[in-house]
């Protein structure tokens, strides 16, 4: 996932976990609510960051 003013973040089954990743994918496909979900539920729990 790439954010406008940051780096590229990788989320996986380990960080933040499969349930969160599936919900983030659903929200991304819907085009609404992904940013809010990340801020409320996963925040800094990512597998890797580049950039």
Protein backbone atom coordinates (compact mmCIF):
# COMPACT_ATOMS: atom_id res chain seq x y z
CA UNK A 1 0.00 0.00 0.00
CA UNK A 2 1.40 3.40 -0.92
CA UNK A 3 0.36 6.59 0.81
CA UNK A 4 0.54 10.08 -0.63
CA UNK A 5 2.95 11.60 1.90
CA UNK A 6 4.71 8.53 3.19
CA UNK A 7 6.34 5.33 2.18
CA UNK A 8 5.11 2.02 0.94
CA UNK A 9 3.69 -0.21 3.65
CA UNK A 10 3.31 -3.98 3.51
CA UNK A 11 0.64 -5.72 5.56
CA UNK A 12 0.48 -9.50 5.79
CA UNK A 13 -0.84 -12.46 7.78
CA UNK A 14 1.63 -11.80 10.56
CA UNK A 15 1.32 -8.02 10.83
CA UNK A 16 -1.44 -6.99 11.38
CA UNK A 17 -3.03 -10.40 10.73
CA UNK A 18 -5.20 -12.09 8.13
CA UNK A 19 -8.50 -10.71 9.45
CA UNK A 20 -7.28 -7.12 9.23
CA UNK A 21 -5.72 -7.66 5.79
CA UNK A 22 -8.97 -9.12 4.43
CA UNK A 23 -10.97 -6.18 5.79
CA UNK A 24 -8.46 -3.69 4.36
CA UNK A 25 -8.74 -5.37 0.95
CA UNK A 26 -12.53 -5.19 1.14
CA UNK A 27 -12.44 -1.49 2.01
CA UNK A 28 -9.90 -0.75 -0.74
CA UNK A 29 -12.12 -2.43 -3.32
CA UNK A 30 -15.14 -0.50 -2.02
CA UNK A 31 -13.16 2.73 -2.27
CA UNK A 32 -14.25 3.99 1.13
CA UNK A 33 -13.14 3.72 4.75
CA UNK A 34 -9.65 2.26 4.38
CA UNK A 35 -7.80 5.21 5.91
CA UNK A 36 -10.13 5.31 8.90
CA UNK A 37 -9.81 1.56 9.41
CA UNK A 38 -6.01 1.71 9.32
CA UNK A 39 -5.92 4.62 11.77
CA UNK A 40 -8.32 2.91 14.19
CA UNK A 41 -7.21 -0.72 14.00
CA UNK A 42 -3.74 -1.33 12.61
CA UNK A 43 -1.87 1.99 12.82
CA UNK A 44 1.82 1.05 13.13
CA UNK A 45 1.36 -2.72 12.98
CA UNK A 46 2.75 -3.32 9.50
CA UNK A 47 5.14 -5.98 8.21
CA UNK A 48 7.52 -3.59 6.42
CA UNK A 49 7.91 0.01 5.32
CA UNK A 50 9.93 1.36 2.43
CA UNK A 51 10.54 5.00 1.64
